Every structure is written in C-alpha cells, then in structure tokens.
C-alpha atoms as a PDB file:
ATOM      1  CA  MET A   1     119.321  96.609  94.875  1.00  0.00           C
ATOM      2  CA  THR A   2     122.518  97.886  96.383  1.00  0.00           C
ATOM      3  CA  ASN A   3     124.556  96.750  99.417  1.00  0.00           C
ATOM      4  CA  ASN A   4     126.060  99.430 101.553  1.00  0.00           C
ATOM      5  CA  LEU A   5     128.569  98.281 103.930  1.00  0.00           C
ATOM      6  CA  ASP A   6     129.689  99.977 107.234  1.00  0.00           C
ATOM      7  CA  ASP A   7     133.338 100.696 107.683  1.00  0.00           C
ATOM      8  CA  ASN A   8     133.659  98.145 110.516  1.00  0.00           C
ATOM      9  CA  LEU A   9     133.141  95.182 108.024  1.00  0.00           C
ATOM     10  CA  ASP A  10     136.083  92.806 108.384  1.00  0.00           C
ATOM     11  CA  PRO A  11     136.060  89.659 106.021  1.00  0.00           C
ATOM     12  CA  LYS A  12     138.182  87.599 108.203  1.00  0.00           C
ATOM     13  CA  ALA A  13     136.608  84.578 109.842  1.00  0.00           C
ATOM     14  CA  GLY A  14     135.461  85.227 113.463  1.00  0.00           C
ATOM     15  CA  GLN A  15     135.446  88.989 112.965  1.00  0.00           C
ATOM     16  CA  ALA A  16     131.938  90.615 113.268  1.00  0.00           C
ATOM     17  CA  GLY A  17     131.065  93.192 110.599  1.00  0.00           C
ATOM     18  CA  GLY A  18     127.862  94.950 109.664  1.00  0.00           C
ATOM     19  CA  GLY A  19     126.158  97.376 107.467  1.00  0.00           C
ATOM     20  CA  THR A  20     122.854  97.973 105.628  1.00  0.00           C
ATOM     21  CA  LEU A  21     121.151  96.242 102.679  1.00  0.00           C
ATOM     22  CA  THR A  22     119.131  98.618 100.701  1.00  0.00           C
ATOM     23  CA  ARG A  23     115.815  97.219  99.377  1.00  0.00           C
ATOM     24  CA  PRO A  24     114.153  98.294  96.008  1.00  0.00           C
ATOM     25  CA  ASP A  25     111.991 100.868  97.769  1.00  0.00           C
ATOM     26  CA  GLY A  26     114.795 102.458  99.540  1.00  0.00           C
ATOM     27  CA  ALA A  27     114.265 100.831 102.963  1.00  0.00           C
ATOM     28  CA  THR A  28     117.468  99.835 104.707  1.00  0.00           C
ATOM     29  CA  ILE A  29     118.054  96.525 106.577  1.00  0.00           C
ATOM     30  CA  ALA A  30     120.670  96.623 109.264  1.00  0.00           C
ATOM     31  CA  TYR A  31     122.682  93.447 109.766  1.00  0.00           C
ATOM     32  CA  ARG A  32     125.698  92.008 111.456  1.00  0.00           C
ATOM     33  CA  ARG A  33     127.598  89.098 110.198  1.00  0.00           C
ATOM     34  CA  LEU A  34     130.580  86.736 110.869  1.00  0.00           C
ATOM     35  CA  GLU A  35     132.502  85.223 107.878  1.00  0.00           C
ATOM     36  CA  GLY A  36     133.291  81.561 108.391  1.00  0.00           C
ATOM     37  CA  LYS A  37     132.797  78.033 107.336  1.00  0.00           C
ATOM     38  CA  THR A  38     129.364  76.565 106.361  1.00  0.00           C
ATOM     39  CA  PRO A  39     126.819  75.535 107.086  1.00  0.00           C
ATOM     40  CA  GLY A  40     126.286  78.978 108.381  1.00  0.00           C
ATOM     41  CA  VAL A  41     123.638  80.178 111.006  1.00  0.00           C
ATOM     42  CA  VAL A  42     121.008  82.933 110.480  1.00  0.00           C
ATOM     43  CA  PHE A  43     119.085  84.283 113.355  1.00  0.00           C
ATOM     44  CA  LEU A  44     115.617  85.754 112.822  1.00  0.00           C
ATOM     45  CA  HIS A  45     114.210  87.726 115.768  1.00  0.00           C
ATOM     46  CA  GLY A  46     110.673  88.103 117.068  1.00  0.00           C
ATOM     47  CA  TYR A  47     107.944  90.859 116.821  1.00  0.00           C
ATOM     48  CA  HIS A  48     108.987  94.105 118.297  1.00  0.00           C
ATOM     49  CA  SER A  49     112.429  92.640 119.027  1.00  0.00           C
ATOM     50  CA  ASP A  50     115.754  93.006 117.237  1.00  0.00           C
ATOM     51  CA  MET A  51     118.996  91.405 116.357  1.00  0.00           C
ATOM     52  CA  GLU A  52     120.713  92.539 119.678  1.00  0.00           C
ATOM     53  CA  GLY A  53     118.813  90.117 121.911  1.00  0.00           C
ATOM     54  CA  THR A  54     120.507  87.395 124.065  1.00  0.00           C
ATOM     55  CA  LYS A  55     119.622  84.505 121.840  1.00  0.00           C
ATOM     56  CA  ALA A  56     121.178  86.195 118.740  1.00  0.00           C
ATOM     57  CA  LEU A  57     124.273  87.167 120.782  1.00  0.00           C
ATOM     58  CA  ALA A  58     124.622  83.667 122.189  1.00  0.00           C
ATOM     59  CA  LEU A  59     124.499  82.094 118.792  1.00  0.00           C
ATOM     60  CA  GLU A  60     127.054  84.517 117.443  1.00  0.00           C
ATOM     61  CA  GLU A  61     129.440  83.741 120.223  1.00  0.00           C
ATOM     62  CA  MET A  62     128.967  79.946 119.472  1.00  0.00           C
ATOM     63  CA  CYS A  63     129.676  80.470 115.835  1.00  0.00           C
ATOM     64  CA  ARG A  64     132.541  82.778 116.438  1.00  0.00           C
ATOM     65  CA  ALA A  65     134.201  80.063 118.635  1.00  0.00           C
ATOM     66  CA  ALA A  66     133.759  77.543 115.906  1.00  0.00           C
ATOM     67  CA  GLY A  67     134.932  79.759 113.175  1.00  0.00           C
ATOM     68  CA  ARG A  68     131.410  79.485 111.455  1.00  0.00           C
ATOM     69  CA  ALA A  69     129.589  81.959 109.501  1.00  0.00           C
ATOM     70  CA  PHE A  70     126.681  83.707 111.319  1.00  0.00           C
ATOM     71  CA  LEU A  71     124.175  86.370 110.198  1.00  0.00           C
ATOM     72  CA  ARG A  72     121.649  88.457 112.241  1.00  0.00           C
ATOM     73  CA  PHE A  73     119.611  91.358 111.099  1.00  0.00           C
ATOM     74  CA  ASP A  74     116.671  93.588 111.843  1.00  0.00           C
ATOM     75  CA  TYR A  75     113.412  93.491 109.885  1.00  0.00           C
ATOM     76  CA  PHE A  76     111.848  96.580 108.350  1.00  0.00           C
ATOM     77  CA  GLY A  77     110.694  98.874 111.220  1.00  0.00           C
ATOM     78  CA  HIS A  78     112.690  97.086 113.929  1.00  0.00           C
ATOM     79  CA  GLY A  79     116.004  97.809 115.614  1.00  0.00           C
ATOM     80  CA  LYS A  80     118.392  99.735 113.382  1.00  0.00           C
ATOM     81  CA  SER A  81     116.527  99.079 110.079  1.00  0.00           C
ATOM     82  CA  SER A  82     114.498 101.804 108.634  1.00  0.00           C
ATOM     83  CA  GLY A  83     110.705 102.215 108.699  1.00  0.00           C
ATOM     84  CA  ASP A  84     107.856 102.095 111.269  1.00  0.00           C
ATOM     85  CA  VAL A  85     107.094  98.630 112.643  1.00  0.00           C
ATOM     86  CA  ALA A  86     103.341  99.392 112.463  1.00  0.00           C
ATOM     87  CA  HIS A  87     103.640  99.532 108.701  1.00  0.00           C
ATOM     88  CA  GLY A  88     105.365  96.278 108.528  1.00  0.00           C
ATOM     89  CA  THR A  89     103.805  92.866 107.454  1.00  0.00           C
ATOM     90  CA  VAL A  90     104.682  89.297 107.532  1.00  0.00           C
ATOM     91  CA  GLY A  91     105.073  89.220 103.753  1.00  0.00           C
ATOM     92  CA  ARG A  92     107.487  92.180 103.887  1.00  0.00           C
ATOM     93  CA  TRP A  93     109.567  90.716 106.668  1.00  0.00           C
ATOM     94  CA  ALA A  94     109.803  87.417 105.006  1.00  0.00           C
ATOM     95  CA  ALA A  95     110.944  89.176 101.776  1.00  0.00           C
ATOM     96  CA  ASP A  96     113.596  91.038 103.779  1.00  0.00           C
ATOM     97  CA  ALA A  97     114.722  87.705 105.093  1.00  0.00           C
ATOM     98  CA  VAL A  98     114.964  86.119 101.685  1.00  0.00           C
ATOM     99  CA  ALA A  99     116.785  89.140 100.373  1.00  0.00           C
ATOM    100  CA  VAL A 100     119.343  89.282 103.288  1.00  0.00           C
ATOM    101  CA  ILE A 101     120.116  85.600 103.174  1.00  0.00           C
ATOM    102  CA  GLY A 102     120.368  85.658  99.435  1.00  0.00           C
ATOM    103  CA  ARG A 103     122.787  88.516  99.322  1.00  0.00           C
ATOM    104  CA  LEU A 104     124.846  88.117 102.526  1.00  0.00           C
ATOM    105  CA  THR A 105     125.376  84.319 102.847  1.00  0.00           C
ATOM    106  CA  GLU A 106     126.890  81.621 100.880  1.00  0.00           C
ATOM    107  CA  GLY A 107     126.259  77.927 100.928  1.00  0.00           C
ATOM    108  CA  PRO A 108     123.911  75.932 103.253  1.00  0.00           C
ATOM    109  CA  GLN A 109     122.306  77.787 106.186  1.00  0.00           C
ATOM    110  CA  ILE A 110     120.519  76.807 109.428  1.00  0.00           C
ATOM    111  CA  LEU A 111     117.787  79.314 110.110  1.00  0.00           C
ATOM    112  CA  VAL A 112     116.963  80.027 113.724  1.00  0.00           C
ATOM    113  CA  GLY A 113     113.678  81.755 114.211  1.00  0.00           C
ATOM    114  CA  SER A 114     112.282  83.167 117.491  1.00  0.00           C
ATOM    115  CA  SER A 115     108.545  83.769 117.850  1.00  0.00           C
ATOM    116  CA  LEU A 116     107.624  85.816 114.682  1.00  0.00           C
ATOM    117  CA  GLY A 117     110.994  84.717 113.417  1.00  0.00           C
ATOM    118  CA  GLY A 118     109.925  81.115 113.398  1.00  0.00           C
ATOM    119  CA  TRP A 119     107.061  82.004 110.964  1.00  0.00           C
ATOM    120  CA  VAL A 120     109.483  84.234 108.859  1.00  0.00           C
ATOM    121  CA  ALA A 121     112.118  81.489 108.852  1.00  0.00           C
ATOM    122  CA  LEU A 122     109.516  78.941 107.606  1.00  0.00           C
ATOM    123  CA  LEU A 123     108.448  81.269 104.757  1.00  0.00           C
ATOM    124  CA  ALA A 124     112.106  82.030 103.837  1.00  0.00           C
ATOM    125  CA  ALA A 125     113.021  78.320 103.801  1.00  0.00           C
ATOM    126  CA  LEU A 126     109.983  77.632 101.387  1.00  0.00           C
ATOM    127  CA  GLU A 127     111.642  80.241  98.974  1.00  0.00           C
ATOM    128  CA  LEU A 128     115.130  79.079  99.526  1.00  0.00           C
ATOM    129  CA  ARG A 129     114.815  75.287  99.934  1.00  0.00           C
ATOM    130  CA  ASP A 130     118.107  74.465  98.278  1.00  0.00           C
ATOM    131  CA  ARG A 131     119.988  76.757 100.597  1.00  0.00           C
ATOM    132  CA  VAL A 132     118.277  75.707 103.941  1.00  0.00           C
ATOM    133  CA  ALA A 133     120.052  72.809 105.559  1.00  0.00           C
ATOM    134  CA  GLY A 134     117.984  72.909 108.685  1.00  0.00           C
ATOM    135  CA  LEU A 135     115.517  74.976 110.827  1.00  0.00           C
ATOM    136  CA  VAL A 136     115.285  75.676 114.536  1.00  0.00           C
ATOM    137  CA  GLY A 137     112.165  77.472 116.041  1.00  0.00           C
ATOM    138  CA  VAL A 138     112.158  78.969 119.424  1.00  0.00           C
ATOM    139  CA  ALA A 139     108.498  79.579 120.512  1.00  0.00           C
ATOM    140  CA  ALA A 140     107.827  79.676 116.842  1.00  0.00           C
ATOM    141  CA  ALA A 141     104.540  81.555 116.033  1.00  0.00           C
ATOM    142  CA  PRO A 142     103.377  80.787 112.546  1.00  0.00           C
ATOM    143  CA  ASP A 143      99.981  82.232 111.746  1.00  0.00           C
ATOM    144  CA  PHE A 144      99.929  84.361 114.983  1.00  0.00           C
ATOM    145  CA  THR A 145      98.261  87.153 113.331  1.00  0.00           C
ATOM    146  CA  GLU A 146      95.175  85.081 112.809  1.00  0.00           C
ATOM    147  CA  ASP A 147      95.167  82.565 115.482  1.00  0.00           C
ATOM    148  CA  LEU A 148      96.631  84.524 118.317  1.00  0.00           C
ATOM    149  CA  MET A 149      95.373  88.157 117.370  1.00  0.00           C
ATOM    150  CA  TRP A 150      92.370  88.298 115.128  1.00  0.00           C
ATOM    151  CA  GLN A 151      90.777  85.312 116.874  1.00  0.00           C
ATOM    152  CA  ASP A 152      91.177  86.756 120.307  1.00  0.00           C
ATOM    153  CA  PHE A 153      90.092  90.187 119.367  1.00  0.00           C
ATOM    154  CA  SER A 154      86.710  91.219 120.779  1.00  0.00           C
ATOM    155  CA  PHE A 155      83.990  92.415 118.587  1.00  0.00           C
ATOM    156  CA  GLU A 156      84.761  96.079 119.456  1.00  0.00           C
ATOM    157  CA  GLN A 157      88.520  95.604 118.697  1.00  0.00           C
ATOM    158  CA  ARG A 158      87.749  94.009 115.309  1.00  0.00           C
ATOM    159  CA  ARG A 159      85.336  96.909 114.470  1.00  0.00           C
ATOM    160  CA  THR A 160      87.979  99.565 115.464  1.00  0.00           C
ATOM    161  CA  LEU A 161      90.660  97.844 113.391  1.00  0.00           C
ATOM    162  CA  MET A 162      88.537  97.468 110.369  1.00  0.00           C
ATOM    163  CA  GLU A 163      86.976 100.990 110.527  1.00  0.00           C
ATOM    164  CA  THR A 164      90.043 103.103 111.601  1.00  0.00           C
ATOM    165  CA  GLY A 165      92.677 100.784 110.227  1.00  0.00           C
ATOM    166  CA  GLU A 166      94.683 100.792 113.490  1.00  0.00           C
ATOM    167  CA  LEU A 167      94.245  99.252 116.958  1.00  0.00           C
ATOM    168  CA  GLU A 168      96.381  99.699 120.117  1.00  0.00           C
ATOM    169  CA  LEU A 169      97.188  96.617 122.223  1.00  0.00           C
ATOM    170  CA  PRO A 170      98.840  96.482 125.680  1.00  0.00           C
ATOM    171  CA  ASN A 171     102.482  95.766 125.622  1.00  0.00           C
ATOM    172  CA  CYS A 172     103.299  93.440 128.587  1.00  0.00           C
ATOM    173  CA  TYR A 173     107.049  94.229 128.160  1.00  0.00           C
ATOM    174  CA  GLU A 174     106.672  97.993 128.010  1.00  0.00           C
ATOM    175  CA  PRO A 175     103.359  99.016 129.517  1.00  0.00           C
ATOM    176  CA  ASP A 176     103.993 102.681 128.522  1.00  0.00           C
ATOM    177  CA  ASN A 177     104.590 101.770 124.885  1.00  0.00           C
ATOM    178  CA  PRO A 178     101.503 100.055 123.567  1.00  0.00           C
ATOM    179  CA  TRP A 179     101.669  98.007 120.234  1.00  0.00           C
ATOM    180  CA  ARG A 180     100.037  99.750 117.309  1.00  0.00           C
ATOM    181  CA  ILE A 181      98.404  97.119 114.957  1.00  0.00           C
ATOM    182  CA  HIS A 182      97.527  98.090 111.373  1.00  0.00           C
ATOM    183  CA  ARG A 183      94.824  96.296 109.413  1.00  0.00           C
ATOM    184  CA  SER A 184      97.487  95.525 106.927  1.00  0.00           C
ATOM    185  CA  LEU A 185      99.272  93.109 109.408  1.00  0.00           C
ATOM    186  CA  ILE A 186      96.168  90.965 109.699  1.00  0.00           C
ATOM    187  CA  GLU A 187      95.224  91.034 106.063  1.00  0.00           C
ATOM    188  CA  ASP A 188      98.676  90.389 104.834  1.00  0.00           C
ATOM    189  CA  GLY A 189      99.033  87.655 107.374  1.00  0.00           C
ATOM    190  CA  ARG A 190      96.272  85.651 105.784  1.00  0.00           C
ATOM    191  CA  ASN A 191      98.248  85.407 102.699  1.00  0.00           C
ATOM    192  CA  HIS A 192     100.967  83.548 104.442  1.00  0.00           C
ATOM    193  CA  LEU A 193      99.165  81.112 106.865  1.00  0.00           C
ATOM    194  CA  LEU A 194     100.966  77.863 107.068  1.00  0.00           C
ATOM    195  CA  LEU A 195      99.079  75.767 109.642  1.00  0.00           C
ATOM    196  CA  ARG A 196      96.118  75.029 107.384  1.00  0.00           C
ATOM    197  CA  ASP A 197      98.013  72.719 104.953  1.00  0.00           C
ATOM    198  CA  LEU A 198     101.121  70.667 104.349  1.00  0.00           C
ATOM    199  CA  ILE A 199     104.375  72.693 104.713  1.00  0.00           C
ATOM    200  CA  GLN A 200     106.651  71.283 101.975  1.00  0.00           C
ATOM    201  CA  LEU A 201     109.875  71.404 103.978  1.00  0.00           C
ATOM    202  CA  HIS A 202     111.960  68.297 104.218  1.00  0.00           C
ATOM    203  CA  CYS A 203     114.913  69.573 106.158  1.00  0.00           C
ATOM    204  CA  PRO A 204     115.727  68.705 109.821  1.00  0.00           C
ATOM    205  CA  VAL A 205     113.608  70.898 112.119  1.00  0.00           C
ATOM    206  CA  ARG A 206     113.968  71.314 115.898  1.00  0.00           C
ATOM    207  CA  LEU A 207     111.111  73.091 117.803  1.00  0.00           C
ATOM    208  CA  ILE A 208     111.977  74.552 121.290  1.00  0.00           C
ATOM    209  CA  GLN A 209     108.729  75.607 123.208  1.00  0.00           C
ATOM    210  CA  GLY A 210     108.102  76.738 126.760  1.00  0.00           C
ATOM    211  CA  GLN A 211     105.023  75.180 128.393  1.00  0.00           C
ATOM    212  CA  LYS A 212     104.526  78.371 130.529  1.00  0.00           C
ATOM    213  CA  ASP A 213     104.554  80.475 127.374  1.00  0.00           C
ATOM    214  CA  GLU A 214     101.661  83.003 127.807  1.00  0.00           C
ATOM    215  CA  ASP A 215     102.070  84.499 124.190  1.00  0.00           C
ATOM    216  CA  VAL A 216     102.249  81.372 122.061  1.00  0.00           C
ATOM    217  CA  PRO A 217     100.438  78.107 123.328  1.00  0.00           C
ATOM    218  CA  TRP A 218     102.835  75.139 123.455  1.00  0.00           C
ATOM    219  CA  GLU A 219     100.366  73.135 121.460  1.00  0.00           C
ATOM    220  CA  THR A 220     101.341  75.274 118.449  1.00  0.00           C
ATOM    221  CA  ALA A 221     104.591  73.418 118.240  1.00  0.00           C
ATOM    222  CA  LEU A 222     102.604  70.187 117.992  1.00  0.00           C
ATOM    223  CA  ARG A 223     100.497  71.683 115.180  1.00  0.00           C
ATOM    224  CA  LEU A 224     103.444  72.860 113.258  1.00  0.00           C
ATOM    225  CA  ALA A 225     105.264  69.546 113.645  1.00  0.00           C
ATOM    226  CA  ASP A 226     102.125  67.751 112.367  1.00  0.00           C
ATOM    227  CA  CYS A 227     102.114  70.131 109.282  1.00  0.00           C
ATOM    228  CA  LEU A 228     105.630  69.811 108.255  1.00  0.00           C
ATOM    229  CA  ALA A 229     106.412  67.316 105.481  1.00  0.00           C
ATOM    230  CA  SER A 230     109.768  66.588 107.055  1.00  0.00           C
ATOM    231  CA  GLU A 231     110.120  63.303 108.895  1.00  0.00           C
ATOM    232  CA  HIS A 232     113.195  64.770 110.837  1.00  0.00           C
ATOM    233  CA  VAL A 233     111.276  66.965 113.332  1.00  0.00           C
ATOM    234  CA  GLU A 234     111.880  67.006 117.121  1.00  0.00           C
ATOM    235  CA  ILE A 235     110.083  69.057 119.797  1.00  0.00           C
ATOM    236  CA  ILE A 236     111.803  70.048 122.931  1.00  0.00           C
ATOM    237  CA  LEU A 237     109.161  71.073 125.509  1.00  0.00           C
ATOM    238  CA  VAL A 238     110.590  73.083 128.491  1.00  0.00           C
ATOM    239  CA  LYS A 239     107.899  72.643 131.353  1.00  0.00           C
ATOM    240  CA  ASP A 240     109.028  75.947 133.209  1.00  0.00           C
ATOM    241  CA  GLY A 241     109.936  77.756 130.082  1.00  0.00           C
ATOM    242  CA  ASP A 242     108.308  81.199 129.174  1.00  0.00           C
ATOM    243  CA  HIS A 243     107.975  82.828 125.800  1.00  0.00           C
ATOM    244  CA  ARG A 244     111.326  84.490 125.694  1.00  0.00           C
ATOM    245  CA  LEU A 245     113.363  81.302 126.667  1.00  0.00           C
ATOM    246  CA  SER A 246     116.352  83.683 127.350  1.00  0.00           C
ATOM    247  CA  ARG A 247     117.491  82.398 130.748  1.00  0.00           C
ATOM    248  CA  ASP A 248     121.108  81.117 130.843  1.00  0.00           C
ATOM    249  CA  CYS A 249     119.879  77.591 130.840  1.00  0.00           C
ATOM    250  CA  ASP A 250     117.616  78.359 127.791  1.00  0.00           C
ATOM    251  CA  LEU A 251     120.613  79.782 125.932  1.00  0.00           C
ATOM    252  CA  VAL A 252     122.704  76.824 126.556  1.00  0.00           C
ATOM    253  CA  ARG A 253     119.939  74.612 125.297  1.00  0.00           C
ATOM    254  CA  LEU A 254     119.605  76.615 122.236  1.00  0.00           C
ATOM    255  CA  THR A 255     123.197  76.543 121.356  1.00  0.00           C
ATOM    256  CA  ASN A 256     123.397  72.884 122.064  1.00  0.00           C
ATOM    257  CA  VAL A 257     120.507  72.095 119.726  1.00  0.00           C
ATOM    258  CA  VAL A 258     121.910  74.182 116.914  1.00  0.00           C
ATOM    259  CA  SER A 259     125.373  72.836 117.475  1.00  0.00           C
ATOM    260  CA  ALA A 260     123.976  69.185 117.449  1.00  0.00           C
ATOM    261  CA  MET A 261     122.101  69.974 114.182  1.00  0.00           C
ATOM    262  CA  LEU A 262     125.280  71.270 112.678  1.00  0.00           C
ATOM    263  CA  GLY A 263     127.052  68.146 113.690  1.00  0.00           C
ATOM    264  CA  ALA A 264     124.483  65.966 112.327  1.00  0.00           C
ATOM    265  CA  ILE A 265     124.355  67.759 108.895  1.00  0.00           C
ATOM    266  CA  GLN A 266     128.061  67.610 108.513  1.00  0.00           C
ATOM    267  CA  GLU A 267     128.254  63.940 109.214  1.00  0.00           C
ATOM    268  CA  SER A 268     125.434  63.112 106.714  1.00  0.00           C
END
C-alpha cells in the first residue's frame, strides 16, 4: 500500500493538507487533514455525500482553532476518490476507513459519522478499539441497507434487483440523478449488520438524531443505544431536526458535543 501526497500537504499544526491513499487494488482515497494534538477527530460522511459538507468543515474549523488533529476523506466512489459509488459496499467503505485512520492518524481518535458514516464509524471502531476514544453519530444509520432499503422495497423492486443486479431509486436531493443500487450493496450489508446483537464497544458515544428525519427513523438511535455495550451513551433528540442536521444551530450543537467529549476524555 502506498501513500501519495499532494504538493499542498503542510505538516504544521493548524495547516490543512491533503492527498490520496492508494488501496491494494489501485483505488485511491482522497483525504484532507490537519496536524495537531490528540485526541484527533475523524469525520465520516454519508451515502452519496463527500468530505466537503458543512459538518465536516465545521469540525475542521473547530479543530484548527484548537490546534487539534483532524481528518476527513471520501469513501470509494464518493467525492474525489476513485471508483463508481454504485459498485461500493459497506464492507469496502469500512475497510477504507480502517486503512485511512490507520495510515493517516496517530494516537486516540474520536470518530464522527453522519448517516452511513455512523455505520462505517461503528465498524471501524470495532476494528480499531484501542485507537478509538469516542464516537459521535449524526443520524447514524447502521443496517440501513436491510432495514431502510430491502425491507421497504416492493416485491417488484426486489425481483428487479435480484434478476438484473441493479435498481434505480429516486434521489430526493437531486431528482434528475437517481441512485443506482447494486445487489452487492444489499448482500454485503448483511455481512455487517449490527443491530441484531450486542455491539462490543465501551467508549463514550453520543447520538444526535432529528425527529423529523425522513430517511432514518429517530427510533434507530434508541435501538443503537440499546445494542451498545458502553454505559457511556447519550442521545440528543432534535425535535425539529431533519436528516442532514446541517443548519447553523445544528453545526453549533455538533461542535459543542464533540468539544465536550474531547474535554471529558482529556480530564479522565
């Protein structure tokens, strides 16, 4: 595995740098990072999103102001990384996260996962338990391929997916650009389901969830909290919050939650 860095990488604390991490199959994972003190913060974005979203940038600014290490990156098929998102799977994205965190961070990290990123963060934390000091989920969506896709598909949609290997779904964010779902996304997702058993994570966890989220039911946060082995789990329900939780007030809440977790970890 090789690590190719762009020319704009600056190793000084507070300075943003970036590049690509090359995976064993030749795929390249784009990233941006700040050097700084630990615990660091790693942001994991959602499905069909990327590392340039407002939540990632708000956390980066918070870390820059505090001189703290920060990392954001695009999964395979997303943003500036190589590949076709339709050929990605939860297992592949989790492996991307483990590789990026392992190669591009040092010391303890707080993982902040949005939607799909919440599932990926949980899977990465299970692989990197000794490196993960805490976890924050924003509309975290573990098991969504099974519970929020497959279980909601009609008989005709299921048949189309199984017979042709692909299904188009409406994209409420970009109506002219429907999502292409491959059968591998569903089948691989079943290998990584978490809400059917105890999740052996014991680090502090904070779950921020909007109650007007039309993509991930707010009850998912309750299910996740119940499955986590950790006794240090708190749920923040936002009564008027949607799935993205990207309003100014949502970003302030997110940075406050992460900052408070960092403070508590450093005091313990």
